[in-house]
């Protein structure tokens, strides 16, 4: 009976050692995989990613390379009127992507006044429309220009 108990005791010790060894192998494997995918261990660095950069009050109205940093709008006469009147309700990206002529910008403003509760812009309307027409005019549509004056040739073997 004593030999049987001794055998069970030794089996428990071996079992516990195997658990420890397999745990260590697993830990080393996971660490190795992590180091392969992120060798710089960037997760441990305390730098703030650019995407999380928060503008300070001084940065709010800063202009760099002709672009208003907070909104992405082009620096030109009328910029602040556009910022103060347009970006209260929607993103400046909506302005940037909608390129229109004067009539369409005015029609869009009227639509916003009739359906979206946009206030009367008063004297700012002319300044805003002028800014938009100058900096965000209609662009050409399509992926490429129409092919013209092409000299075609036959493909023969």
N, C-alpha and C. Protein backbone atom coordinates (compact mmCIF):
# COMPACT_ATOMS: atom_id res chain seq x y z
N UNK A 1 0.82 -1.19 0.00
CA UNK A 1 0.00 0.00 0.00
C UNK A 1 0.87 1.26 0.00
N UNK A 2 1.96 1.18 0.72
CA UNK A 2 2.86 2.31 0.82
C UNK A 2 3.48 2.66 -0.53
N UNK A 3 3.82 1.64 -1.32
CA UNK A 3 4.38 1.88 -2.65
C UNK A 3 3.35 2.54 -3.55
N UNK A 4 2.10 2.19 -3.40
CA UNK A 4 1.03 2.78 -4.21
C UNK A 4 0.87 4.26 -3.89
N UNK A 5 0.91 4.62 -2.61
CA UNK A 5 0.81 6.02 -2.21
C UNK A 5 2.02 6.81 -2.68
N UNK A 6 3.18 6.20 -2.60
CA UNK A 6 4.39 6.85 -3.05
C UNK A 6 4.31 7.10 -4.56
N UNK A 7 3.79 6.13 -5.32
CA UNK A 7 3.62 6.27 -6.76
C UNK A 7 2.66 7.42 -7.07
N UNK A 8 1.54 7.50 -6.35
CA UNK A 8 0.57 8.59 -6.56
C UNK A 8 1.20 9.95 -6.26
N UNK A 9 1.99 10.01 -5.20
CA UNK A 9 2.65 11.26 -4.83
C UNK A 9 3.62 11.69 -5.93
N UNK A 10 4.39 10.75 -6.44
CA UNK A 10 5.33 11.06 -7.51
C UNK A 10 4.58 11.46 -8.79
N UNK A 11 3.45 10.82 -9.07
CA UNK A 11 2.65 11.17 -10.26
C UNK A 11 2.12 12.59 -10.15
N UNK A 12 1.67 13.01 -8.95
CA UNK A 12 1.19 14.38 -8.75
C UNK A 12 2.31 15.39 -8.99
N UNK A 13 3.50 15.06 -8.51
CA UNK A 13 4.64 15.97 -8.69
C UNK A 13 4.97 16.10 -10.18
N UNK A 14 5.00 14.98 -10.87
CA UNK A 14 5.29 14.99 -12.31
C UNK A 14 4.20 15.77 -13.06
N UNK A 15 2.94 15.58 -12.70
CA UNK A 15 1.84 16.28 -13.32
C UNK A 15 2.00 17.81 -13.14
N UNK A 16 2.31 18.22 -11.91
CA UNK A 16 2.48 19.65 -11.62
C UNK A 16 3.66 20.23 -12.39
N UNK A 17 4.75 19.48 -12.48
CA UNK A 17 5.90 19.94 -13.25
C UNK A 17 5.55 20.09 -14.74
N UNK A 18 4.77 19.14 -15.26
CA UNK A 18 4.36 19.22 -16.67
C UNK A 18 3.48 20.45 -16.92
N UNK A 19 2.58 20.74 -15.99
CA UNK A 19 1.74 21.93 -16.12
C UNK A 19 2.60 23.18 -16.15
N UNK A 20 3.59 23.24 -15.25
CA UNK A 20 4.48 24.41 -15.21
C UNK A 20 5.27 24.52 -16.51
N UNK A 21 5.82 23.42 -16.99
CA UNK A 21 6.61 23.43 -18.22
C UNK A 21 5.75 23.87 -19.41
N UNK A 22 4.56 23.29 -19.55
CA UNK A 22 3.69 23.66 -20.67
C UNK A 22 3.25 25.12 -20.57
N UNK A 23 3.03 25.60 -19.36
CA UNK A 23 2.67 27.01 -19.19
C UNK A 23 3.80 27.91 -19.64
N UNK A 24 5.02 27.55 -19.25
CA UNK A 24 6.19 28.34 -19.65
C UNK A 24 6.38 28.31 -21.17
N UNK A 25 6.22 27.13 -21.78
CA UNK A 25 6.35 27.03 -23.24
C UNK A 25 5.29 27.89 -23.91
N UNK A 26 4.08 27.86 -23.41
CA UNK A 26 3.01 28.69 -23.97
C UNK A 26 3.31 30.17 -23.84
N UNK A 27 3.81 30.57 -22.70
CA UNK A 27 4.15 31.98 -22.47
C UNK A 27 5.26 32.43 -23.41
N UNK A 28 6.28 31.61 -23.56
CA UNK A 28 7.39 31.93 -24.47
C UNK A 28 6.88 32.01 -25.91
N UNK A 29 6.00 31.11 -26.31
CA UNK A 29 5.45 31.11 -27.66
C UNK A 29 4.64 32.37 -27.92
N UNK A 30 3.77 32.71 -27.00
CA UNK A 30 2.95 33.92 -27.15
C UNK A 30 3.84 35.17 -27.21
N UNK A 31 4.84 35.22 -26.35
CA UNK A 31 5.77 36.36 -26.35
C UNK A 31 6.51 36.43 -27.68
N UNK A 32 6.96 35.31 -28.18
CA UNK A 32 7.66 35.27 -29.47
C UNK A 32 6.78 35.75 -30.60
N UNK A 33 5.54 35.31 -30.62
CA UNK A 33 4.60 35.74 -31.67
C UNK A 33 4.37 37.23 -31.58
N UNK A 34 4.22 37.73 -30.37
CA UNK A 34 4.00 39.17 -30.19
C UNK A 34 5.21 39.96 -30.66
N UNK A 35 6.40 39.49 -30.35
CA UNK A 35 7.61 40.19 -30.77
C UNK A 35 7.77 40.17 -32.28
N UNK A 36 7.31 39.11 -32.93
CA UNK A 36 7.38 39.04 -34.39
C UNK A 36 6.43 40.07 -35.00
N UNK A 37 5.24 40.21 -34.42
CA UNK A 37 4.25 41.14 -34.99
C UNK A 37 4.50 42.58 -34.58
N UNK A 38 5.15 42.82 -33.44
CA UNK A 38 5.43 44.18 -32.97
C UNK A 38 6.81 44.22 -32.33
N UNK A 39 7.87 44.18 -33.16
CA UNK A 39 9.23 44.10 -32.61
C UNK A 39 9.65 45.34 -31.84
N UNK A 40 9.00 46.48 -32.05
CA UNK A 40 9.39 47.70 -31.34
C UNK A 40 8.73 47.79 -29.97
N UNK A 41 7.83 46.87 -29.67
CA UNK A 41 7.07 46.89 -28.42
C UNK A 41 6.40 48.24 -28.23
N UNK A 42 5.78 48.72 -29.30
CA UNK A 42 5.16 50.05 -29.27
C UNK A 42 4.05 50.15 -28.24
N UNK A 43 3.49 49.06 -27.83
CA UNK A 43 2.42 49.09 -26.84
C UNK A 43 2.93 49.64 -25.50
N UNK A 44 4.24 49.54 -25.27
CA UNK A 44 4.78 50.01 -24.01
C UNK A 44 5.29 51.45 -24.07
N UNK A 45 5.29 52.03 -25.27
CA UNK A 45 5.75 53.41 -25.39
C UNK A 45 4.62 54.35 -24.99
N UNK A 46 4.97 55.45 -24.37
CA UNK A 46 3.96 56.36 -23.85
C UNK A 46 3.73 57.56 -24.78
N UNK A 47 3.96 57.39 -26.07
CA UNK A 47 3.72 58.49 -27.00
C UNK A 47 2.26 58.48 -27.44
N UNK A 48 1.75 59.65 -27.75
CA UNK A 48 0.37 59.77 -28.20
C UNK A 48 0.34 59.63 -29.71
N UNK A 49 -0.44 58.70 -30.25
CA UNK A 49 -0.54 58.58 -31.70
C UNK A 49 -1.09 59.87 -32.30
N UNK A 50 -0.69 60.17 -33.56
CA UNK A 50 -1.15 61.38 -34.21
C UNK A 50 -2.66 61.43 -34.32
N UNK A 51 -3.29 60.29 -34.50
CA UNK A 51 -4.74 60.29 -34.65
C UNK A 51 -5.45 60.73 -33.37
N UNK A 52 -4.75 60.67 -32.24
CA UNK A 52 -5.34 61.09 -30.99
C UNK A 52 -4.85 62.47 -30.56
N UNK A 53 -4.17 63.17 -31.45
CA UNK A 53 -3.65 64.48 -31.13
C UNK A 53 -4.81 65.43 -30.87
N UNK A 54 -4.78 66.08 -29.73
CA UNK A 54 -5.86 67.00 -29.37
C UNK A 54 -5.37 68.42 -29.58
N UNK A 55 -6.13 69.19 -30.35
CA UNK A 55 -5.75 70.57 -30.62
C UNK A 55 -5.91 71.41 -29.36
N UNK A 56 -4.91 72.22 -29.08
CA UNK A 56 -5.01 73.15 -27.97
C UNK A 56 -5.74 74.39 -28.46
N UNK A 57 -6.06 75.30 -27.55
CA UNK A 57 -6.77 76.52 -27.95
C UNK A 57 -5.95 77.33 -28.94
N UNK A 58 -4.61 77.33 -28.78
CA UNK A 58 -3.77 78.06 -29.73
C UNK A 58 -3.82 77.41 -31.11
N UNK A 59 -3.93 76.08 -31.15
CA UNK A 59 -3.96 75.36 -32.42
C UNK A 59 -5.30 75.51 -33.13
N UNK A 60 -6.35 75.80 -32.39
CA UNK A 60 -7.70 75.83 -32.95
C UNK A 60 -7.80 76.69 -34.21
N UNK A 61 -7.17 77.85 -34.18
CA UNK A 61 -7.27 78.77 -35.32
C UNK A 61 -5.97 78.87 -36.10
N UNK A 62 -5.04 77.96 -35.89
CA UNK A 62 -3.76 78.00 -36.57
C UNK A 62 -3.90 77.56 -38.03
N UNK A 63 -3.09 78.18 -38.86
CA UNK A 63 -3.10 77.86 -40.29
C UNK A 63 -1.70 77.40 -40.67
N UNK A 64 -1.64 76.27 -41.35
CA UNK A 64 -0.37 75.70 -41.77
C UNK A 64 -0.46 75.33 -43.23
N UNK A 65 0.51 75.78 -44.02
CA UNK A 65 0.53 75.51 -45.46
C UNK A 65 -0.77 75.91 -46.15
N UNK A 66 -1.36 77.02 -45.70
CA UNK A 66 -2.57 77.52 -46.33
C UNK A 66 -3.84 76.78 -45.95
N UNK A 67 -3.77 75.93 -44.93
CA UNK A 67 -4.94 75.15 -44.51
C UNK A 67 -5.24 75.45 -43.04
N UNK A 68 -6.49 75.73 -42.75
CA UNK A 68 -6.95 75.94 -41.38
C UNK A 68 -6.94 74.57 -40.70
N UNK A 69 -6.10 74.41 -39.66
CA UNK A 69 -5.87 73.08 -39.08
C UNK A 69 -7.12 72.41 -38.55
N UNK A 70 -7.94 73.14 -37.83
CA UNK A 70 -9.11 72.52 -37.19
C UNK A 70 -10.12 72.02 -38.21
N UNK A 71 -10.31 72.77 -39.30
CA UNK A 71 -11.36 72.41 -40.25
C UNK A 71 -10.87 71.79 -41.54
N UNK A 72 -9.63 72.08 -41.92
CA UNK A 72 -9.12 71.59 -43.21
C UNK A 72 -9.50 72.49 -44.36
N UNK A 73 -10.14 73.62 -44.08
CA UNK A 73 -10.55 74.55 -45.13
C UNK A 73 -9.37 75.39 -45.59
N UNK A 74 -9.43 75.84 -46.84
CA UNK A 74 -8.39 76.65 -47.44
C UNK A 74 -8.40 78.05 -46.83
N UNK A 75 -7.20 78.56 -46.53
CA UNK A 75 -7.10 79.92 -46.00
C UNK A 75 -7.33 80.92 -47.14
N UNK A 76 -8.32 81.76 -46.97
CA UNK A 76 -8.63 82.80 -47.95
C UNK A 76 -9.63 83.75 -47.31
N UNK A 77 -9.89 84.84 -47.98
CA UNK A 77 -10.85 85.81 -47.47
C UNK A 77 -12.22 85.14 -47.33
N UNK A 78 -12.81 85.29 -46.16
CA UNK A 78 -14.12 84.68 -45.88
C UNK A 78 -14.04 83.38 -45.11
N UNK A 79 -12.81 82.91 -44.85
CA UNK A 79 -12.64 81.64 -44.13
C UNK A 79 -13.39 81.63 -42.80
N UNK A 80 -13.18 82.66 -41.98
CA UNK A 80 -13.79 82.64 -40.65
C UNK A 80 -15.31 82.77 -40.71
N UNK A 81 -15.85 83.44 -41.71
CA UNK A 81 -17.30 83.50 -41.87
C UNK A 81 -17.84 82.10 -42.16
N UNK A 82 -17.12 81.36 -43.02
CA UNK A 82 -17.54 79.99 -43.33
C UNK A 82 -17.42 79.12 -42.08
N UNK A 83 -16.31 79.23 -41.38
CA UNK A 83 -16.11 78.43 -40.16
C UNK A 83 -17.21 78.73 -39.15
N UNK A 84 -17.48 80.02 -38.92
CA UNK A 84 -18.45 80.40 -37.89
C UNK A 84 -19.90 80.11 -38.26
N UNK A 85 -20.22 80.08 -39.54
CA UNK A 85 -21.61 79.87 -39.95
C UNK A 85 -21.91 78.45 -40.44
N UNK A 86 -20.90 77.78 -40.99
CA UNK A 86 -21.17 76.47 -41.59
C UNK A 86 -20.84 75.30 -40.66
N UNK A 87 -19.74 75.43 -39.92
CA UNK A 87 -19.31 74.29 -39.11
C UNK A 87 -20.02 74.20 -37.77
N UNK A 88 -20.97 75.07 -37.51
CA UNK A 88 -21.79 74.92 -36.31
C UNK A 88 -22.75 73.75 -36.45
N UNK A 89 -23.17 73.48 -37.69
CA UNK A 89 -24.17 72.43 -37.93
C UNK A 89 -23.60 71.17 -38.55
N UNK A 90 -22.57 71.31 -39.34
CA UNK A 90 -22.01 70.12 -39.99
C UNK A 90 -20.51 70.24 -40.13
N UNK A 91 -19.89 69.14 -40.46
CA UNK A 91 -18.44 69.07 -40.62
C UNK A 91 -17.98 69.89 -41.81
N UNK A 92 -16.78 70.43 -41.70
CA UNK A 92 -16.20 71.17 -42.83
C UNK A 92 -15.94 70.24 -44.01
N UNK A 93 -15.82 68.96 -43.74
CA UNK A 93 -15.60 67.99 -44.82
C UNK A 93 -16.78 67.97 -45.79
N UNK A 94 -17.97 68.27 -45.30
CA UNK A 94 -19.13 68.35 -46.16
C UNK A 94 -18.99 69.51 -47.15
N UNK A 95 -18.42 70.61 -46.68
CA UNK A 95 -18.18 71.76 -47.55
C UNK A 95 -17.12 71.40 -48.58
N UNK A 96 -16.05 70.79 -48.12
CA UNK A 96 -14.92 70.47 -49.00
C UNK A 96 -15.31 69.51 -50.12
N UNK A 97 -16.16 68.55 -49.83
CA UNK A 97 -16.50 67.56 -50.85
C UNK A 97 -17.58 68.03 -51.81
N UNK A 98 -18.37 69.04 -51.43
CA UNK A 98 -19.43 69.53 -52.30
C UNK A 98 -18.95 70.75 -53.06
N UNK A 99 -18.50 70.55 -54.27
CA UNK A 99 -17.98 71.63 -55.10
C UNK A 99 -19.10 72.07 -56.05
N UNK A 100 -19.45 73.38 -55.96
CA UNK A 100 -20.57 73.88 -56.76
C UNK A 100 -20.27 75.27 -57.31
N UNK A 101 -21.10 75.67 -58.27
CA UNK A 101 -21.01 77.04 -58.77
C UNK A 101 -21.84 77.95 -57.86
N UNK A 102 -21.84 79.24 -58.17
CA UNK A 102 -22.50 80.23 -57.31
C UNK A 102 -23.99 79.92 -57.12
N UNK A 103 -24.67 79.62 -58.22
CA UNK A 103 -26.12 79.36 -58.15
C UNK A 103 -26.42 78.15 -57.27
N UNK A 104 -25.62 77.11 -57.41
CA UNK A 104 -25.85 75.89 -56.62
C UNK A 104 -25.55 76.13 -55.13
N UNK A 105 -24.49 76.91 -54.82
CA UNK A 105 -24.19 77.23 -53.42
C UNK A 105 -25.34 78.02 -52.80
N UNK A 106 -25.84 79.00 -53.56
CA UNK A 106 -26.96 79.80 -53.04
C UNK A 106 -28.19 78.93 -52.86
N UNK A 107 -28.47 78.04 -53.82
CA UNK A 107 -29.62 77.14 -53.70
C UNK A 107 -29.47 76.21 -52.49
N UNK A 108 -28.26 75.77 -52.24
CA UNK A 108 -28.01 74.90 -51.09
C UNK A 108 -28.24 75.67 -49.78
N UNK A 109 -27.80 76.92 -49.74
CA UNK A 109 -28.03 77.75 -48.55
C UNK A 109 -29.53 77.94 -48.34
N UNK A 110 -30.27 78.22 -49.41
CA UNK A 110 -31.73 78.39 -49.29
C UNK A 110 -32.39 77.11 -48.80
N UNK A 111 -31.94 75.98 -49.32
CA UNK A 111 -32.50 74.70 -48.87
C UNK A 111 -32.24 74.51 -47.38
N UNK A 112 -31.02 74.83 -46.92
CA UNK A 112 -30.70 74.69 -45.49
C UNK A 112 -31.55 75.64 -44.66
N UNK A 113 -31.83 76.83 -45.18
CA UNK A 113 -32.65 77.79 -44.44
C UNK A 113 -34.10 77.31 -44.36
N UNK A 114 -34.60 76.71 -45.44
CA UNK A 114 -36.00 76.27 -45.48
C UNK A 114 -36.23 74.96 -44.71
N UNK A 115 -35.25 74.07 -44.75
CA UNK A 115 -35.49 72.73 -44.18
C UNK A 115 -34.64 72.38 -42.97
N UNK A 116 -33.52 73.07 -42.78
CA UNK A 116 -32.59 72.69 -41.71
C UNK A 116 -32.42 73.77 -40.64
N UNK A 117 -33.28 74.79 -40.68
CA UNK A 117 -33.26 75.88 -39.70
C UNK A 117 -31.98 76.71 -39.71
N UNK A 118 -31.38 76.85 -40.88
CA UNK A 118 -30.23 77.75 -40.99
C UNK A 118 -30.73 79.18 -40.87
N UNK A 119 -30.05 79.97 -40.06
CA UNK A 119 -30.43 81.37 -39.83
C UNK A 119 -30.15 82.23 -41.05
N UNK A 120 -30.70 83.43 -41.07
CA UNK A 120 -30.43 84.39 -42.13
C UNK A 120 -28.98 84.83 -42.01
N UNK A 121 -28.22 84.65 -43.07
CA UNK A 121 -26.80 84.96 -43.04
C UNK A 121 -26.51 86.45 -43.22
N UNK A 122 -27.50 87.20 -43.64
CA UNK A 122 -27.33 88.65 -43.81
C UNK A 122 -26.19 88.97 -44.76
N UNK A 123 -25.36 89.93 -44.38
CA UNK A 123 -24.23 90.35 -45.22
C UNK A 123 -23.15 89.28 -45.35
N UNK A 124 -23.16 88.31 -44.45
CA UNK A 124 -22.16 87.23 -44.53
C UNK A 124 -22.41 86.30 -45.71
N UNK A 125 -23.65 86.26 -46.22
CA UNK A 125 -23.95 85.32 -47.30
C UNK A 125 -23.08 85.57 -48.52
N UNK A 126 -22.93 86.82 -48.94
CA UNK A 126 -22.10 87.13 -50.11
C UNK A 126 -20.65 86.74 -49.87
N UNK A 127 -20.14 86.99 -48.65
CA UNK A 127 -18.77 86.64 -48.32
C UNK A 127 -18.59 85.12 -48.35
N UNK A 128 -19.55 84.40 -47.79
CA UNK A 128 -19.49 82.93 -47.73
C UNK A 128 -19.56 82.34 -49.13
N UNK A 129 -20.52 82.80 -49.93
CA UNK A 129 -20.68 82.27 -51.30
C UNK A 129 -19.43 82.57 -52.12
N UNK A 130 -18.89 83.77 -51.99
CA UNK A 130 -17.67 84.12 -52.72
C UNK A 130 -16.51 83.21 -52.32
N UNK A 131 -16.36 82.96 -51.03
CA UNK A 131 -15.30 82.05 -50.56
C UNK A 131 -15.50 80.65 -51.15
N UNK A 132 -16.72 80.15 -51.09
CA UNK A 132 -17.00 78.78 -51.56
C UNK A 132 -16.78 78.65 -53.05
N UNK A 133 -17.24 79.63 -53.83
CA UNK A 133 -17.09 79.56 -55.29
C UNK A 133 -15.62 79.65 -55.67
N UNK A 134 -14.87 80.48 -54.97
CA UNK A 134 -13.45 80.66 -55.28
C UNK A 134 -12.63 79.43 -54.91
N UNK A 135 -12.89 78.86 -53.74
CA UNK A 135 -12.05 77.78 -53.23
C UNK A 135 -12.60 76.38 -53.45
N UNK A 136 -13.90 76.26 -53.67
CA UNK A 136 -14.50 74.94 -53.88
C UNK A 136 -15.44 74.97 -55.08
N UNK A 137 -14.90 75.32 -56.27
CA UNK A 137 -15.73 75.35 -57.47
C UNK A 137 -15.98 73.93 -57.97
N UNK A 138 -16.90 73.79 -58.92
CA UNK A 138 -17.16 72.44 -59.45
C UNK A 138 -15.90 71.88 -60.11
N UNK A 139 -15.70 70.60 -59.94
CA UNK A 139 -14.55 69.93 -60.56
C UNK A 139 -15.02 69.10 -61.72
N UNK A 140 -14.06 68.69 -62.55
CA UNK A 140 -14.41 67.82 -63.67
C UNK A 140 -14.83 66.47 -63.14
N UNK A 141 -15.79 65.88 -63.79
CA UNK A 141 -16.27 64.56 -63.39
C UNK A 141 -15.56 63.50 -64.22
N UNK A 142 -15.53 62.31 -63.71
CA UNK A 142 -14.96 61.20 -64.46
C UNK A 142 -13.56 60.86 -64.01
N UNK A 143 -13.11 59.70 -64.46
CA UNK A 143 -11.80 59.23 -64.04
C UNK A 143 -10.70 59.67 -65.00
N UNK A 144 -11.07 59.97 -66.24
CA UNK A 144 -10.06 60.39 -67.21
C UNK A 144 -10.74 61.23 -68.28
N UNK A 145 -9.92 61.93 -69.04
CA UNK A 145 -10.46 62.74 -70.12
C UNK A 145 -10.89 61.83 -71.26
N UNK A 146 -11.79 62.35 -72.09
CA UNK A 146 -12.26 61.61 -73.26
C UNK A 146 -11.10 61.45 -74.24
N UNK A 147 -10.97 60.25 -74.80
CA UNK A 147 -9.90 60.00 -75.76
C UNK A 147 -10.23 60.69 -77.08
N UNK A 148 -9.33 61.52 -77.58
CA UNK A 148 -9.52 62.20 -78.86
C UNK A 148 -8.23 62.11 -79.66
N UNK A 149 -8.37 62.25 -80.98
CA UNK A 149 -7.20 62.23 -81.89
C UNK A 149 -6.30 61.03 -81.64
N UNK A 150 -6.91 59.86 -81.59
CA UNK A 150 -6.17 58.63 -81.37
C UNK A 150 -5.89 57.99 -82.71
N UNK A 151 -4.66 57.58 -82.93
CA UNK A 151 -4.32 56.88 -84.15
C UNK A 151 -4.33 55.38 -83.84
N UNK A 152 -5.36 54.71 -84.31
CA UNK A 152 -5.54 53.29 -84.01
C UNK A 152 -4.78 52.45 -85.02
N UNK A 153 -4.37 51.30 -84.64
CA UNK A 153 -3.69 50.39 -85.54
C UNK A 153 -4.20 48.98 -85.28
N UNK A 154 -4.11 48.13 -86.31
CA UNK A 154 -4.60 46.76 -86.22
C UNK A 154 -3.58 45.89 -85.50
N UNK A 155 -4.09 45.04 -84.65
CA UNK A 155 -3.24 44.06 -83.98
C UNK A 155 -3.29 42.77 -84.77
N UNK A 156 -2.24 42.47 -85.48
CA UNK A 156 -2.20 41.24 -86.28
C UNK A 156 -0.94 40.47 -85.93
N UNK A 157 -1.08 39.17 -86.09
CA UNK A 157 0.07 38.32 -85.77
C UNK A 157 0.99 38.20 -86.93
